[in-house]
Amino acid sequence: MQEQEFLKEFGFRLKLYRLKHGMTQAELGEKVDISEHRISSIENGKCNITLKTVCKLSNALNISGSKLFNFVC
């Protein structure tokens, strides 16, 4: 899998879980101390993030971090 494809798949899953939890990008960003613009960039596969940020996002969504990477398997 190419890097860009990986980032898009990750972003798609992040958006999916954010919407399942009824959260806006702004609300999720506030919970993890990231701007709404950065959340949008992550969801659109335009932004690479750290594992620390993945941990914050999964905690804010109350899901296992592995759910955000489920597409890899």
Protein backbone atom coordinates (compact mmCIF):
# COMPACT_ATOMS: atom_id res chain seq x y z
CA MET A 1 0.00 0.00 0.00
CA GLN A 2 1.33 3.40 -0.97
CA GLU A 3 1.73 6.11 1.67
CA GLN A 4 -1.00 8.35 0.23
CA GLU A 5 -3.46 5.47 0.04
CA PHE A 6 -2.64 4.54 3.65
CA LEU A 7 -3.28 8.11 4.85
CA LYS A 8 -6.59 8.28 2.96
CA GLU A 9 -7.77 4.96 4.44
CA PHE A 10 -6.80 6.06 7.94
CA GLY A 11 -8.61 9.38 7.44
CA PHE A 12 -11.69 7.62 6.14
CA ARG A 13 -11.85 5.40 9.23
CA LEU A 14 -11.30 8.37 11.54
CA LYS A 15 -14.19 10.21 9.89
CA LEU A 16 -16.38 7.11 10.07
CA TYR A 17 -15.89 6.75 13.83
CA ARG A 18 -16.19 10.49 14.42
CA LEU A 19 -19.55 10.52 12.65
CA LYS A 20 -20.69 7.37 14.49
CA HIS A 21 -20.08 9.27 17.71
CA GLY A 22 -22.04 12.27 16.42
CA MET A 23 -19.05 14.61 16.67
CA THR A 24 -18.07 17.49 14.44
CA GLN A 25 -14.47 18.03 13.42
CA ALA A 26 -14.38 21.00 15.76
CA GLU A 27 -15.61 18.92 18.71
CA LEU A 28 -13.07 16.17 18.09
CA GLY A 29 -10.32 18.72 17.63
CA GLU A 30 -11.21 20.37 20.91
CA LYS A 31 -11.08 17.03 22.75
CA VAL A 32 -7.57 16.28 21.46
CA ASP A 33 -6.27 19.87 21.30
CA ILE A 34 -5.95 19.91 17.51
CA SER A 35 -7.45 22.49 15.17
CA GLU A 36 -10.53 21.69 13.14
CA HIS A 37 -8.44 22.35 10.02
CA ARG A 38 -5.92 19.70 11.07
CA ILE A 39 -8.70 17.16 11.73
CA SER A 40 -10.00 17.89 8.24
CA SER A 41 -6.52 17.40 6.77
CA ILE A 42 -6.14 14.06 8.59
CA GLU A 43 -9.54 12.86 7.41
CA ASN A 44 -8.71 13.83 3.82
CA GLY A 45 -5.40 11.96 3.88
CA LYS A 46 -3.35 15.13 3.55
CA CYS A 47 -1.65 15.00 6.92
CA ASN A 48 0.68 12.50 8.54
CA ILE A 49 0.30 12.21 12.31
CA THR A 50 2.20 10.73 15.23
CA LEU A 51 1.23 7.69 17.24
CA LYS A 52 0.68 10.03 20.16
CA THR A 53 -2.03 11.77 18.14
CA VAL A 54 -3.54 8.41 17.13
CA CYS A 55 -3.75 7.56 20.82
CA LYS A 56 -5.46 10.87 21.62
CA LEU A 57 -7.94 10.42 18.78
CA SER A 58 -8.84 6.87 19.75
CA ASN A 59 -9.26 7.88 23.39
CA ALA A 60 -11.50 10.82 22.40
CA LEU A 61 -13.63 8.46 20.31
CA ASN A 62 -13.56 5.81 23.02
CA ILE A 63 -12.31 3.13 20.62
CA SER A 64 -9.27 0.92 20.36
CA GLY A 65 -6.51 2.48 18.28
CA SER A 66 -6.44 -0.69 16.21
CA LYS A 67 -9.91 0.15 14.83
CA LEU A 68 -8.38 3.12 13.03
CA PHE A 69 -5.90 0.75 11.34
CA ASN A 70 -8.35 -2.09 10.64
CA PHE A 71 -7.99 -1.60 6.88
CA VAL A 72 -4.32 -2.71 6.96
CA CYS A 73 -5.08 -6.37 7.67
